[in-house]
């Protein structure tokens, strides 16, 4: 077996409704082995939270994580990939 190629990506997440925050945290916990950094900032003026998740994982793992997060109610997400 060869090494599985991984990519670095950032998931930008905006939480507009905290109804799904527990589900979000459970998903992120499931993928914890791939997460190399996480930063969350509340923005009280707009009553939202902005979260950045940096991952180093196989492409299909990043896609699965992004898809699960994107389906959560009250949460918007976008994934940006490194070129390497």
N, C-alpha and C. Protein backbone atom coordinates (compact mmCIF):
# COMPACT_ATOMS: atom_id res chain seq x y z
N UNK A 1 0.83 -1.20 0.00
CA UNK A 1 0.00 0.00 0.00
C UNK A 1 0.87 1.25 0.00
N UNK A 2 0.50 2.22 -0.81
CA UNK A 2 1.23 3.47 -0.84
C UNK A 2 0.63 4.46 0.15
N UNK A 3 1.30 5.58 0.27
CA UNK A 3 0.79 6.62 1.15
C UNK A 3 -0.43 7.28 0.51
N UNK A 4 -1.40 7.58 1.32
CA UNK A 4 -2.58 8.28 0.83
C UNK A 4 -2.25 9.77 0.78
N UNK A 5 -2.49 10.37 -0.37
CA UNK A 5 -2.20 11.79 -0.55
C UNK A 5 -3.24 12.63 0.19
N UNK A 6 -2.76 13.65 0.89
CA UNK A 6 -3.66 14.54 1.61
C UNK A 6 -3.52 15.95 1.06
N UNK A 7 -4.50 16.77 1.39
CA UNK A 7 -4.49 18.18 1.02
C UNK A 7 -4.81 19.01 2.25
N UNK A 8 -4.34 20.22 2.24
CA UNK A 8 -4.68 21.16 3.30
C UNK A 8 -5.84 22.00 2.80
N UNK A 9 -6.83 22.18 3.67
CA UNK A 9 -8.01 22.97 3.30
C UNK A 9 -8.50 23.75 4.51
N UNK A 10 -9.25 24.79 4.24
CA UNK A 10 -9.88 25.58 5.29
C UNK A 10 -11.39 25.53 5.07
N UNK A 11 -12.10 25.16 6.12
CA UNK A 11 -13.55 25.24 6.10
C UNK A 11 -13.94 26.52 6.80
N UNK A 12 -14.58 27.42 6.08
CA UNK A 12 -15.09 28.66 6.66
C UNK A 12 -16.55 28.41 6.99
N UNK A 13 -16.88 28.56 8.26
CA UNK A 13 -18.23 28.23 8.74
C UNK A 13 -18.84 29.46 9.40
N UNK A 14 -20.07 29.78 9.03
CA UNK A 14 -20.81 30.85 9.69
C UNK A 14 -22.04 30.24 10.35
N UNK A 15 -22.12 30.43 11.64
CA UNK A 15 -23.26 29.91 12.41
C UNK A 15 -24.24 31.07 12.62
N UNK A 16 -25.38 30.97 11.93
CA UNK A 16 -26.39 32.02 12.03
C UNK A 16 -27.50 31.65 13.01
N UNK A 17 -27.61 30.37 13.30
CA UNK A 17 -28.61 29.88 14.24
C UNK A 17 -27.96 28.77 15.05
N UNK A 18 -27.91 28.93 16.36
CA UNK A 18 -27.18 27.98 17.20
C UNK A 18 -27.90 26.64 17.37
N UNK A 19 -29.01 26.44 16.68
CA UNK A 19 -29.77 25.20 16.80
C UNK A 19 -28.93 23.97 16.45
N UNK A 20 -27.97 24.12 15.55
CA UNK A 20 -27.17 22.97 15.09
C UNK A 20 -25.76 22.94 15.66
N UNK A 21 -25.45 23.77 16.64
CA UNK A 21 -24.08 23.86 17.14
C UNK A 21 -23.60 22.54 17.77
N UNK A 22 -24.49 21.84 18.47
CA UNK A 22 -24.11 20.54 19.04
C UNK A 22 -23.78 19.53 17.95
N UNK A 23 -24.60 19.52 16.90
CA UNK A 23 -24.35 18.61 15.77
C UNK A 23 -23.03 18.96 15.09
N UNK A 24 -22.76 20.25 14.94
CA UNK A 24 -21.51 20.70 14.33
C UNK A 24 -20.32 20.20 15.15
N UNK A 25 -20.38 20.39 16.45
CA UNK A 25 -19.27 19.97 17.31
C UNK A 25 -19.08 18.46 17.28
N UNK A 26 -20.15 17.69 17.18
CA UNK A 26 -20.04 16.23 17.08
C UNK A 26 -19.36 15.82 15.78
N UNK A 27 -19.71 16.50 14.68
CA UNK A 27 -19.09 16.21 13.40
C UNK A 27 -17.59 16.53 13.46
N UNK A 28 -17.26 17.70 14.00
CA UNK A 28 -15.86 18.09 14.08
C UNK A 28 -15.08 17.12 14.97
N UNK A 29 -15.70 16.63 16.02
CA UNK A 29 -15.05 15.64 16.90
C UNK A 29 -14.75 14.36 16.13
N UNK A 30 -15.67 13.95 15.25
CA UNK A 30 -15.46 12.74 14.45
C UNK A 30 -14.25 12.88 13.52
N UNK A 31 -13.95 14.09 13.10
CA UNK A 31 -12.86 14.34 12.17
C UNK A 31 -11.63 14.95 12.86
N UNK A 32 -11.56 14.86 14.17
CA UNK A 32 -10.51 15.50 14.94
C UNK A 32 -9.10 15.10 14.52
N UNK A 33 -8.92 13.89 14.04
CA UNK A 33 -7.58 13.45 13.65
C UNK A 33 -7.03 14.21 12.45
N UNK A 34 -7.91 14.86 11.69
CA UNK A 34 -7.49 15.61 10.51
C UNK A 34 -7.39 17.11 10.77
N UNK A 35 -7.95 17.58 11.88
CA UNK A 35 -7.99 19.02 12.16
C UNK A 35 -6.65 19.46 12.75
N UNK A 36 -6.02 20.43 12.08
CA UNK A 36 -4.74 20.94 12.57
C UNK A 36 -4.89 22.29 13.25
N UNK A 37 -6.06 22.90 13.12
CA UNK A 37 -6.31 24.17 13.80
C UNK A 37 -7.77 24.57 13.71
N UNK A 38 -8.20 25.30 14.72
CA UNK A 38 -9.60 25.75 14.76
C UNK A 38 -9.64 27.10 15.45
N UNK A 39 -10.37 28.04 14.87
CA UNK A 39 -10.55 29.35 15.49
C UNK A 39 -12.01 29.75 15.35
N UNK A 40 -12.60 30.15 16.43
CA UNK A 40 -13.99 30.60 16.40
C UNK A 40 -14.11 31.98 17.01
N UNK A 41 -14.84 32.84 16.33
CA UNK A 41 -15.03 34.20 16.82
C UNK A 41 -16.52 34.56 16.81
N UNK A 42 -17.03 34.95 17.96
CA UNK A 42 -18.41 35.45 17.97
C UNK A 42 -18.43 36.87 17.42
N UNK A 43 -19.47 37.19 16.68
CA UNK A 43 -19.65 38.55 16.17
C UNK A 43 -21.00 39.04 16.68
N UNK A 44 -20.98 39.62 17.86
CA UNK A 44 -22.21 40.00 18.57
C UNK A 44 -23.06 41.00 17.78
N UNK A 45 -22.42 41.90 17.05
CA UNK A 45 -23.16 42.92 16.31
C UNK A 45 -24.16 42.30 15.33
N UNK A 46 -23.78 41.16 14.72
CA UNK A 46 -24.66 40.48 13.76
C UNK A 46 -25.28 39.21 14.36
N UNK A 47 -24.94 38.90 15.62
CA UNK A 47 -25.44 37.71 16.30
C UNK A 47 -25.11 36.42 15.55
N UNK A 48 -23.85 36.33 15.10
CA UNK A 48 -23.37 35.13 14.41
C UNK A 48 -22.03 34.71 15.02
N UNK A 49 -21.60 33.52 14.67
CA UNK A 49 -20.27 33.03 15.02
C UNK A 49 -19.56 32.64 13.74
N UNK A 50 -18.29 32.98 13.65
CA UNK A 50 -17.48 32.65 12.48
C UNK A 50 -16.40 31.67 12.93
N UNK A 51 -16.32 30.53 12.26
CA UNK A 51 -15.38 29.48 12.64
C UNK A 51 -14.53 29.11 11.43
N UNK A 52 -13.22 29.00 11.65
CA UNK A 52 -12.30 28.51 10.63
C UNK A 52 -11.73 27.18 11.11
N UNK A 53 -11.81 26.17 10.27
CA UNK A 53 -11.27 24.85 10.58
C UNK A 53 -10.22 24.53 9.52
N UNK A 54 -8.98 24.29 9.95
CA UNK A 54 -7.93 23.93 9.02
C UNK A 54 -7.69 22.43 9.13
N UNK A 55 -7.73 21.75 7.98
CA UNK A 55 -7.57 20.29 7.98
C UNK A 55 -6.47 19.87 7.01
N UNK A 56 -5.89 18.72 7.29
CA UNK A 56 -4.96 18.05 6.38
C UNK A 56 -5.48 16.62 6.27
N UNK A 57 -6.10 16.33 5.12
CA UNK A 57 -6.82 15.06 4.98
C UNK A 57 -6.91 14.66 3.51
N UNK A 58 -7.25 13.40 3.25
CA UNK A 58 -7.53 12.99 1.88
C UNK A 58 -8.71 13.80 1.31
N UNK A 59 -8.69 14.00 0.01
CA UNK A 59 -9.74 14.78 -0.66
C UNK A 59 -11.14 14.29 -0.31
N UNK A 60 -11.36 12.97 -0.34
CA UNK A 60 -12.71 12.46 -0.07
C UNK A 60 -13.13 12.69 1.37
N UNK A 61 -12.19 12.72 2.30
CA UNK A 61 -12.50 13.00 3.70
C UNK A 61 -12.92 14.45 3.88
N UNK A 62 -12.19 15.35 3.22
CA UNK A 62 -12.54 16.77 3.29
C UNK A 62 -13.92 17.00 2.68
N UNK A 63 -14.19 16.36 1.57
CA UNK A 63 -15.50 16.49 0.92
C UNK A 63 -16.62 15.98 1.82
N UNK A 64 -16.38 14.86 2.49
CA UNK A 64 -17.39 14.30 3.39
C UNK A 64 -17.65 15.24 4.56
N UNK A 65 -16.59 15.75 5.15
CA UNK A 65 -16.73 16.69 6.27
C UNK A 65 -17.49 17.94 5.82
N UNK A 66 -17.07 18.50 4.71
CA UNK A 66 -17.72 19.70 4.18
C UNK A 66 -19.20 19.47 3.88
N UNK A 67 -19.51 18.32 3.31
CA UNK A 67 -20.90 17.99 3.00
C UNK A 67 -21.76 17.87 4.24
N UNK A 68 -21.24 17.23 5.27
CA UNK A 68 -21.99 17.07 6.52
C UNK A 68 -22.25 18.42 7.19
N UNK A 69 -21.22 19.26 7.22
CA UNK A 69 -21.37 20.59 7.83
C UNK A 69 -22.35 21.43 7.02
N UNK A 70 -22.25 21.36 5.71
CA UNK A 70 -23.11 22.16 4.84
C UNK A 70 -24.58 21.83 4.92
N UNK A 71 -24.92 20.63 5.39
CA UNK A 71 -26.32 20.23 5.51
C UNK A 71 -26.98 20.67 6.81
N UNK A 72 -26.20 21.21 7.74
CA UNK A 72 -26.75 21.59 9.03
C UNK A 72 -27.60 22.86 8.93
N UNK A 73 -28.72 22.85 9.61
CA UNK A 73 -29.63 23.99 9.61
C UNK A 73 -28.98 25.18 10.33
N UNK A 74 -29.08 26.35 9.72
CA UNK A 74 -28.58 27.57 10.34
C UNK A 74 -27.08 27.77 10.21
N UNK A 75 -26.44 26.91 9.40
CA UNK A 75 -24.99 26.99 9.23
C UNK A 75 -24.67 27.07 7.74
N UNK A 76 -23.78 28.00 7.40
CA UNK A 76 -23.30 28.15 6.04
C UNK A 76 -21.82 27.81 6.04
N UNK A 77 -21.35 27.08 5.04
CA UNK A 77 -19.92 26.77 5.00
C UNK A 77 -19.40 26.78 3.57
N UNK A 78 -18.10 26.99 3.48
CA UNK A 78 -17.40 27.00 2.20
C UNK A 78 -16.02 26.42 2.45
N UNK A 79 -15.52 25.65 1.51
CA UNK A 79 -14.20 25.03 1.68
C UNK A 79 -13.26 25.56 0.61
N UNK A 80 -12.06 25.91 1.03
CA UNK A 80 -11.01 26.36 0.14
C UNK A 80 -9.82 25.43 0.29
N UNK A 81 -9.26 24.99 -0.83
CA UNK A 81 -8.17 24.01 -0.84
C UNK A 81 -6.85 24.66 -1.20
N UNK A 82 -5.77 24.12 -0.62
CA UNK A 82 -4.43 24.54 -1.05
C UNK A 82 -4.15 23.89 -2.40
N UNK A 83 -3.18 24.39 -3.11
CA UNK A 83 -2.82 23.82 -4.40
C UNK A 83 -1.83 22.67 -4.25
N UNK A 84 -1.31 22.47 -3.04
CA UNK A 84 -0.34 21.38 -2.82
C UNK A 84 -0.95 20.28 -1.98
